[in-house]
């Protein structure tokens, strides 16, 4: 792949991540978007449909994960990195979704801030921000 095409593709993939964030209200069911933008530490938990919320949160996670894996592939062209990252995304999904569902099913006001942070790992491409520099450093050391 030529360098200009690679950079255009990377820019497009990062743009997709931005578009997911910009249009999150229109694309995904998430009653916590407004809840956490307001003074949530002093509010009641919002009404939610647990199955719908879980499905849309999972969809958002998988979209972010697929785009992130494509970005990692374009950066490193190493299938072992992609396999490792895919396993990490899968393990993280199971663990984070379990914690997410615990907080959704058992809401307690003292847990709102902790829930807010765990939820971020599911709806934001934070793992890309962790994996990209980690693999870059790994490649430098090889």
C-alpha atoms as a PDB file:
ATOM      1  CA  UNK A   1       0.000   0.000   0.000  1.00  0.00           C
ATOM      2  CA  UNK A   2       1.391   3.381  -0.922  1.00  0.00           C
ATOM      3  CA  UNK A   3       1.977   5.883   1.834  1.00  0.00           C
ATOM      4  CA  UNK A   4      -0.538   8.528   0.668  1.00  0.00           C
ATOM      5  CA  UNK A   5      -3.283   5.906   0.399  1.00  0.00           C
ATOM      6  CA  UNK A   6      -2.384   4.526   3.839  1.00  0.00           C
ATOM      7  CA  UNK A   7      -2.594   7.980   5.409  1.00  0.00           C
ATOM      8  CA  UNK A   8      -5.912   8.734   3.714  1.00  0.00           C
ATOM      9  CA  UNK A   9      -7.306   5.427   4.953  1.00  0.00           C
ATOM     10  CA  UNK A  10      -6.028   6.079   8.483  1.00  0.00           C
ATOM     11  CA  UNK A  11      -7.566   9.540   8.415  1.00  0.00           C
ATOM     12  CA  UNK A  12     -10.882   8.055   7.250  1.00  0.00           C
ATOM     13  CA  UNK A  13     -10.823   5.442  10.038  1.00  0.00           C
ATOM     14  CA  UNK A  14     -10.071   8.046  12.691  1.00  0.00           C
ATOM     15  CA  UNK A  15     -12.849  10.115  11.143  1.00  0.00           C
ATOM     16  CA  UNK A  16     -15.246   7.195  11.603  1.00  0.00           C
ATOM     17  CA  UNK A  17     -14.361   7.062  15.298  1.00  0.00           C
ATOM     18  CA  UNK A  18     -15.069  10.787  15.544  1.00  0.00           C
ATOM     19  CA  UNK A  19     -18.377  10.391  13.681  1.00  0.00           C
ATOM     20  CA  UNK A  20     -19.475   7.649  16.080  1.00  0.00           C
ATOM     21  CA  UNK A  21     -18.836  10.065  18.929  1.00  0.00           C
ATOM     22  CA  UNK A  22     -20.455  13.068  17.237  1.00  0.00           C
ATOM     23  CA  UNK A  23     -23.632  11.200  16.283  1.00  0.00           C
ATOM     24  CA  UNK A  24     -23.887   9.053  19.408  1.00  0.00           C
ATOM     25  CA  UNK A  25     -27.292  10.513  20.326  1.00  0.00           C
ATOM     26  CA  UNK A  26     -28.759   9.642  16.937  1.00  0.00           C
ATOM     27  CA  UNK A  27     -27.091   6.248  16.470  1.00  0.00           C
ATOM     28  CA  UNK A  28     -27.321   4.614  19.888  1.00  0.00           C
ATOM     29  CA  UNK A  29     -29.837   4.211  22.667  1.00  0.00           C
ATOM     30  CA  UNK A  30     -28.095   5.435  25.804  1.00  0.00           C
ATOM     31  CA  UNK A  31     -30.071   7.194  28.557  1.00  0.00           C
ATOM     32  CA  UNK A  32     -26.806   7.804  30.401  1.00  0.00           C
ATOM     33  CA  UNK A  33     -25.515  10.327  27.852  1.00  0.00           C
ATOM     34  CA  UNK A  34     -27.656  13.139  29.272  1.00  0.00           C
ATOM     35  CA  UNK A  35     -27.461  11.754  32.789  1.00  0.00           C
ATOM     36  CA  UNK A  36     -23.663  11.991  32.926  1.00  0.00           C
ATOM     37  CA  UNK A  37     -23.601  15.404  31.208  1.00  0.00           C
ATOM     38  CA  UNK A  38     -25.621  16.850  34.073  1.00  0.00           C
ATOM     39  CA  UNK A  39     -25.047  16.858  37.819  1.00  0.00           C
ATOM     40  CA  UNK A  40     -25.413  13.071  38.025  1.00  0.00           C
ATOM     41  CA  UNK A  41     -23.971  12.720  41.518  1.00  0.00           C
ATOM     42  CA  UNK A  42     -27.138  14.348  42.891  1.00  0.00           C
ATOM     43  CA  UNK A  43     -29.758  12.859  40.541  1.00  0.00           C
ATOM     44  CA  UNK A  44     -31.840   9.715  40.381  1.00  0.00           C
ATOM     45  CA  UNK A  45     -30.780   6.994  37.983  1.00  0.00           C
ATOM     46  CA  UNK A  46     -32.515   7.361  34.592  1.00  0.00           C
ATOM     47  CA  UNK A  47     -35.168   4.947  33.369  1.00  0.00           C
ATOM     48  CA  UNK A  48     -33.699   2.419  30.945  1.00  0.00           C
ATOM     49  CA  UNK A  49     -34.447  -0.676  28.931  1.00  0.00           C
ATOM     50  CA  UNK A  50     -31.678  -3.063  29.955  1.00  0.00           C
ATOM     51  CA  UNK A  51     -31.705  -5.333  26.888  1.00  0.00           C
ATOM     52  CA  UNK A  52     -31.831  -2.425  24.432  1.00  0.00           C
ATOM     53  CA  UNK A  53     -29.110  -0.589  26.356  1.00  0.00           C
ATOM     54  CA  UNK A  54     -26.897  -3.695  26.406  1.00  0.00           C
ATOM     55  CA  UNK A  55     -27.340  -4.311  22.678  1.00  0.00           C
ATOM     56  CA  UNK A  56     -26.587  -0.728  21.680  1.00  0.00           C
ATOM     57  CA  UNK A  57     -23.618  -0.495  24.044  1.00  0.00           C
ATOM     58  CA  UNK A  58     -22.276  -3.758  22.600  1.00  0.00           C
ATOM     59  CA  UNK A  59     -22.801  -2.499  19.056  1.00  0.00           C
ATOM     60  CA  UNK A  60     -20.894   0.669  19.832  1.00  0.00           C
ATOM     61  CA  UNK A  61     -18.078  -1.305  21.450  1.00  0.00           C
ATOM     62  CA  UNK A  62     -17.759  -3.636  18.452  1.00  0.00           C
ATOM     63  CA  UNK A  63     -17.815  -0.760  15.948  1.00  0.00           C
ATOM     64  CA  UNK A  64     -15.052   0.991  17.874  1.00  0.00           C
ATOM     65  CA  UNK A  65     -13.124  -2.279  18.200  1.00  0.00           C
ATOM     66  CA  UNK A  66     -13.313  -3.127  14.483  1.00  0.00           C
ATOM     67  CA  UNK A  67     -12.221   0.344  13.459  1.00  0.00           C
ATOM     68  CA  UNK A  68      -9.446   0.267  16.054  1.00  0.00           C
ATOM     69  CA  UNK A  69      -8.211  -3.109  14.798  1.00  0.00           C
ATOM     70  CA  UNK A  70      -8.155  -1.746  11.248  1.00  0.00           C
ATOM     71  CA  UNK A  71      -6.118   1.246  12.445  1.00  0.00           C
ATOM     72  CA  UNK A  72      -3.678  -1.028  14.261  1.00  0.00           C
ATOM     73  CA  UNK A  73      -3.322  -3.178  11.150  1.00  0.00           C
ATOM     74  CA  UNK A  74      -2.583  -0.163   8.961  1.00  0.00           C
ATOM     75  CA  UNK A  75      -0.008   1.105  11.434  1.00  0.00           C
ATOM     76  CA  UNK A  76       1.866  -2.154  12.009  1.00  0.00           C
ATOM     77  CA  UNK A  77       0.938  -4.661   9.254  1.00  0.00           C
ATOM     78  CA  UNK A  78       1.435  -7.458  11.778  1.00  0.00           C
ATOM     79  CA  UNK A  79      -1.238 -10.121  12.139  1.00  0.00           C
ATOM     80  CA  UNK A  80       0.103 -11.266  15.512  1.00  0.00           C
ATOM     81  CA  UNK A  81      -0.560  -7.772  16.878  1.00  0.00           C
ATOM     82  CA  UNK A  82      -4.083  -7.877  15.468  1.00  0.00           C
ATOM     83  CA  UNK A  83      -4.760 -11.332  16.940  1.00  0.00           C
ATOM     84  CA  UNK A  84      -3.474 -10.274  20.349  1.00  0.00           C
ATOM     85  CA  UNK A  85      -5.517  -7.063  20.196  1.00  0.00           C
ATOM     86  CA  UNK A  86      -8.653  -8.939  19.151  1.00  0.00           C
ATOM     87  CA  UNK A  87      -8.236 -11.292  22.141  1.00  0.00           C
ATOM     88  CA  UNK A  88      -7.742  -8.285  24.414  1.00  0.00           C
ATOM     89  CA  UNK A  89     -10.876  -6.635  23.044  1.00  0.00           C
ATOM     90  CA  UNK A  90     -12.878  -9.849  23.530  1.00  0.00           C
ATOM     91  CA  UNK A  91     -11.682 -10.412  27.100  1.00  0.00           C
ATOM     92  CA  UNK A  92     -12.201  -6.745  27.965  1.00  0.00           C
ATOM     93  CA  UNK A  93     -15.704  -6.837  26.504  1.00  0.00           C
ATOM     94  CA  UNK A  94     -16.788  -9.759  28.645  1.00  0.00           C
ATOM     95  CA  UNK A  95     -15.291  -8.278  31.810  1.00  0.00           C
ATOM     96  CA  UNK A  96     -16.484  -4.717  31.213  1.00  0.00           C
ATOM     97  CA  UNK A  97     -19.974  -5.759  30.136  1.00  0.00           C
ATOM     98  CA  UNK A  98     -20.352  -7.795  33.318  1.00  0.00           C
ATOM     99  CA  UNK A  99     -19.347  -4.816  35.439  1.00  0.00           C
ATOM    100  CA  UNK A 100     -21.539  -2.516  33.328  1.00  0.00           C
ATOM    101  CA  UNK A 101     -24.580  -4.734  33.813  1.00  0.00           C
ATOM    102  CA  UNK A 102     -23.955  -4.948  37.549  1.00  0.00           C
ATOM    103  CA  UNK A 103     -24.083  -1.145  37.782  1.00  0.00           C
ATOM    104  CA  UNK A 104     -27.130  -0.922  35.499  1.00  0.00           C
ATOM    105  CA  UNK A 105     -29.099  -3.541  37.413  1.00  0.00           C
ATOM    106  CA  UNK A 106     -27.963  -2.420  40.891  1.00  0.00           C
ATOM    107  CA  UNK A 107     -27.751   1.387  40.728  1.00  0.00           C
ATOM    108  CA  UNK A 108     -26.418   3.069  43.843  1.00  0.00           C
ATOM    109  CA  UNK A 109     -25.659   6.748  44.002  1.00  0.00           C
ATOM    110  CA  UNK A 110     -22.256   6.168  45.588  1.00  0.00           C
ATOM    111  CA  UNK A 111     -21.278   4.032  42.550  1.00  0.00           C
ATOM    112  CA  UNK A 112     -22.219   6.566  39.847  1.00  0.00           C
ATOM    113  CA  UNK A 113     -18.682   7.857  39.333  1.00  0.00           C
ATOM    114  CA  UNK A 114     -17.225   4.352  39.137  1.00  0.00           C
ATOM    115  CA  UNK A 115     -19.977   3.341  36.707  1.00  0.00           C
ATOM    116  CA  UNK A 116     -19.258   6.429  34.600  1.00  0.00           C
ATOM    117  CA  UNK A 117     -15.614   5.396  34.212  1.00  0.00           C
ATOM    118  CA  UNK A 118     -16.280   1.715  33.445  1.00  0.00           C
ATOM    119  CA  UNK A 119     -18.896   2.740  30.898  1.00  0.00           C
ATOM    120  CA  UNK A 120     -16.318   4.901  29.132  1.00  0.00           C
ATOM    121  CA  UNK A 121     -14.202   1.859  28.295  1.00  0.00           C
ATOM    122  CA  UNK A 122     -17.202   0.336  26.528  1.00  0.00           C
ATOM    123  CA  UNK A 123     -18.316   3.373  24.534  1.00  0.00           C
ATOM    124  CA  UNK A 124     -15.012   5.114  23.768  1.00  0.00           C
ATOM    125  CA  UNK A 125     -12.005   3.790  21.803  1.00  0.00           C
ATOM    126  CA  UNK A 126      -9.775   4.021  24.878  1.00  0.00           C
ATOM    127  CA  UNK A 127      -8.056   0.695  24.191  1.00  0.00           C
ATOM    128  CA  UNK A 128      -6.753   2.112  20.906  1.00  0.00           C
ATOM    129  CA  UNK A 129      -5.142   4.944  22.857  1.00  0.00           C
ATOM    130  CA  UNK A 130      -3.448   2.337  25.042  1.00  0.00           C
ATOM    131  CA  UNK A 131      -2.508  -0.240  22.404  1.00  0.00           C
ATOM    132  CA  UNK A 132      -1.156   2.082  19.723  1.00  0.00           C
ATOM    133  CA  UNK A 133       1.729   3.510  21.775  1.00  0.00           C
ATOM    134  CA  UNK A 134       2.344   0.153  23.473  1.00  0.00           C
ATOM    135  CA  UNK A 135       2.820  -1.652  20.153  1.00  0.00           C
ATOM    136  CA  UNK A 136       4.845   1.224  18.766  1.00  0.00           C
ATOM    137  CA  UNK A 137       7.230   0.950  21.708  1.00  0.00           C
ATOM    138  CA  UNK A 138       7.277  -2.847  21.299  1.00  0.00           C
ATOM    139  CA  UNK A 139       8.237  -2.482  17.623  1.00  0.00           C
ATOM    140  CA  UNK A 140      10.975   0.010  18.510  1.00  0.00           C
ATOM    141  CA  UNK A 141      12.499  -2.454  20.969  1.00  0.00           C
ATOM    142  CA  UNK A 142      12.552  -5.334  18.431  1.00  0.00           C
END
